[in-house]
C-alpha atoms as a PDB file:
ATOM      1  CA  MET A   1     151.999  98.111  72.400  1.00  0.00           C
ATOM      2  CA  SER A   2     150.545  97.701  69.010  1.00  0.00           C
ATOM      3  CA  SER A   3     147.897 100.019  67.668  1.00  0.00           C
ATOM      4  CA  ASP A   4     145.352  97.185  67.626  1.00  0.00           C
ATOM      5  CA  LYS A   5     145.939  96.518  71.300  1.00  0.00           C
ATOM      6  CA  ILE A   6     145.550 100.252  72.088  1.00  0.00           C
ATOM      7  CA  LYS A   7     142.291 100.348  70.141  1.00  0.00           C
ATOM      8  CA  GLU A   8     141.009  97.312  72.049  1.00  0.00           C
ATOM      9  CA  VAL A   9     141.878  98.874  75.406  1.00  0.00           C
ATOM     10  CA  LYS A  10     140.280 102.152  74.355  1.00  0.00           C
ATOM     11  CA  ALA A  11     137.118 100.366  73.208  1.00  0.00           C
ATOM     12  CA  ALA A  12     136.973  98.389  76.455  1.00  0.00           C
ATOM     13  CA  GLY A  13     137.369 101.611  78.457  1.00  0.00           C
ATOM     14  CA  GLU A  14     134.605 103.307  76.490  1.00  0.00           C
ATOM     15  CA  ALA A  15     132.341 100.275  76.950  1.00  0.00           C
ATOM     16  CA  ALA A  16     133.024 100.298  80.701  1.00  0.00           C
ATOM     17  CA  ALA A  17     132.287 104.025  80.857  1.00  0.00           C
ATOM     18  CA  ASP A  18     129.024 103.538  78.942  1.00  0.00           C
ATOM     19  CA  THR A  19     128.017 100.682  81.252  1.00  0.00           C
ATOM     20  CA  ALA A  20     128.806 102.751  84.344  1.00  0.00           C
ATOM     21  CA  ARG A  21     126.854 105.710  82.917  1.00  0.00           C
ATOM     22  CA  ASP A  22     123.847 103.460  82.197  1.00  0.00           C
ATOM     23  CA  GLU A  23     123.982 101.981  85.696  1.00  0.00           C
ATOM     24  CA  LEU A  24     124.158 105.458  87.252  1.00  0.00           C
ATOM     25  CA  GLU A  25     121.119 106.547  85.227  1.00  0.00           C
ATOM     26  CA  ALA A  26     119.231 103.433  86.380  1.00  0.00           C
ATOM     27  CA  VAL A  27     120.126 104.132  90.019  1.00  0.00           C
ATOM     28  CA  LYS A  28     119.081 107.764  89.614  1.00  0.00           C
ATOM     29  CA  ALA A  29     115.731 106.765  88.107  1.00  0.00           C
ATOM     30  CA  HIS A  30     115.164 104.223  90.895  1.00  0.00           C
ATOM     31  CA  LEU A  31     116.007 106.802  93.543  1.00  0.00           C
ATOM     32  CA  GLU A  32     113.622 109.340  92.000  1.00  0.00           C
ATOM     33  CA  ARG A  33     110.850 106.709  91.991  1.00  0.00           C
ATOM     34  CA  LEU A  34     111.487 105.877  95.638  1.00  0.00           C
ATOM     35  CA  VAL A  35     111.420 109.539  96.632  1.00  0.00           C
ATOM     36  CA  THR A  36     108.203 110.324  94.763  1.00  0.00           C
ATOM     37  CA  GLN A  37     106.395 107.143  95.799  1.00  0.00           C
ATOM     38  CA  HIS A  38     107.448 106.860  99.430  1.00  0.00           C
ATOM     39  CA  LEU A  39     109.205 109.910 100.833  1.00  0.00           C
ATOM     40  CA  VAL A  40     106.978 112.692  99.502  1.00  0.00           C
ATOM     41  CA  PRO A  41     103.690 111.108 100.725  1.00  0.00           C
ATOM     42  CA  ALA A  42     105.246 110.326 104.123  1.00  0.00           C
ATOM     43  CA  LEU A  43     106.391 113.931 104.512  1.00  0.00           C
ATOM     44  CA  GLY A  44     102.929 115.139 103.534  1.00  0.00           C
ATOM     45  CA  ARG A  45     101.304 112.937 106.163  1.00  0.00           C
ATOM     46  CA  ALA A  46     103.825 114.119 108.762  1.00  0.00           C
ATOM     47  CA  GLY A  47     103.033 117.746 107.918  1.00  0.00           C
ATOM     48  CA  ASP A  48      99.305 117.110 108.253  1.00  0.00           C
ATOM     49  CA  LYS A  49      99.807 115.383 111.590  1.00  0.00           C
ATOM     50  CA  ALA A  50     102.015 118.224 112.829  1.00  0.00           C
ATOM     51  CA  GLY A  51      99.315 120.730 111.870  1.00  0.00           C
ATOM     52  CA  THR A  52      96.696 118.703 113.729  1.00  0.00           C
ATOM     53  CA  LEU A  53      98.893 118.409 116.813  1.00  0.00           C
ATOM     54  CA  LYS A  54      99.598 122.138 116.728  1.00  0.00           C
ATOM     55  CA  GLY A  55      95.880 122.869 116.620  1.00  0.00           C
ATOM     56  CA  GLN A  56      95.262 120.525 119.536  1.00  0.00           C
ATOM     57  CA  ALA A  57      98.087 122.098 121.547  1.00  0.00           C
ATOM     58  CA  VAL A  58      96.742 125.602 120.956  1.00  0.00           C
ATOM     59  CA  ALA A  59      93.219 124.489 121.926  1.00  0.00           C
ATOM     60  CA  ASN A  60      94.546 122.844 125.096  1.00  0.00           C
ATOM     61  CA  ALA A  61      96.562 125.932 125.995  1.00  0.00           C
ATOM     62  CA  ARG A  62      93.512 128.149 125.494  1.00  0.00           C
ATOM     63  CA  GLU A  63      91.396 125.840 127.620  1.00  0.00           C
ATOM     64  CA  LEU A  64      93.998 125.847 130.397  1.00  0.00           C
ATOM     65  CA  ALA A  65      94.279 129.618 130.200  1.00  0.00           C
ATOM     66  CA  ASP A  66      90.498 129.982 130.396  1.00  0.00           C
ATOM     67  CA  HIS A  67      90.370 127.703 133.449  1.00  0.00           C
ATOM     68  CA  ALA A  68      93.224 129.573 135.094  1.00  0.00           C
ATOM     69  CA  GLN A  69      91.564 132.887 134.350  1.00  0.00           C
ATOM     70  CA  SER A  70      88.220 131.749 135.748  1.00  0.00           C
ATOM     71  CA  ASP A  71      89.896 130.293 138.853  1.00  0.00           C
ATOM     72  CA  LEU A  72      91.782 133.536 139.430  1.00  0.00           C
ATOM     73  CA  ALA A  73      88.636 135.539 138.846  1.00  0.00           C
ATOM     74  CA  LYS A  74      86.821 133.490 141.492  1.00  0.00           C
ATOM     75  CA  ARG A  75      89.654 133.988 143.983  1.00  0.00           C
ATOM     76  CA  ASN A  76      90.130 137.657 143.311  1.00  0.00           C
ATOM     77  CA  ARG A  77      86.547 138.890 143.130  1.00  0.00           C
ATOM     78  CA  GLY A  78      86.991 140.928 146.251  1.00  0.00           C
ATOM     79  CA  GLN A  79      90.530 142.032 145.366  1.00  0.00           C
ATOM     80  CA  SER A  80      91.777 144.611 142.943  1.00  0.00           C
ATOM     81  CA  SER A  81      90.555 144.342 139.365  1.00  0.00           C
ATOM     82  CA  TRP A  82      93.960 145.542 138.149  1.00  0.00           C
ATOM     83  CA  LEU A  83      95.459 142.197 139.090  1.00  0.00           C
ATOM     84  CA  SER A  84      92.860 140.369 137.025  1.00  0.00           C
ATOM     85  CA  ILE A  85      93.493 142.668 134.073  1.00  0.00           C
ATOM     86  CA  ALA A  86      97.242 142.094 134.327  1.00  0.00           C
ATOM     87  CA  ILE A  87      96.828 138.323 134.514  1.00  0.00           C
ATOM     88  CA  SER A  88      94.465 138.374 131.544  1.00  0.00           C
ATOM     89  CA  GLY A  89      97.001 140.389 129.602  1.00  0.00           C
ATOM     90  CA  VAL A  90      99.781 137.938 130.395  1.00  0.00           C
ATOM     91  CA  VAL A  91      97.588 134.965 129.476  1.00  0.00           C
ATOM     92  CA  GLY A  92      96.568 136.688 126.247  1.00  0.00           C
ATOM     93  CA  PHE A  93     100.194 137.431 125.420  1.00  0.00           C
ATOM     94  CA  ILE A  94     101.174 133.797 126.019  1.00  0.00           C
ATOM     95  CA  LEU A  95      98.286 132.528 123.896  1.00  0.00           C
ATOM     96  CA  GLY A  96      99.206 134.966 121.175  1.00  0.00           C
ATOM     97  CA  ARG A  97     102.770 133.647 121.157  1.00  0.00           C
ATOM     98  CA  LEU A  98     101.603 130.026 121.150  1.00  0.00           C
ATOM     99  CA  SER A  99      99.236 130.529 118.231  1.00  0.00           C
ATOM    100  CA  ARG A 100     102.005 131.678 115.883  1.00  0.00           C
END
């Protein structure tokens, strides 16, 4: 091969590398735009919704525990108060675990 031919091949290779580098930068910029415009807001909304659902679940669990406690209190009025205290402790423990 002549030196002119080698220089042409080298120049073509460098041009191809520059083109590939430019295309990669364009793809990277496009991907960053997509992430910041679409993915980040969607994740934020999902986090807000998860927080709301968690709050609703805790409120529902507390309401169910209160109903269960009042039902047990009605049934056990004549029975030992230790049983009511134990049940209240268990319900409180469960609610404490759910609220974390």
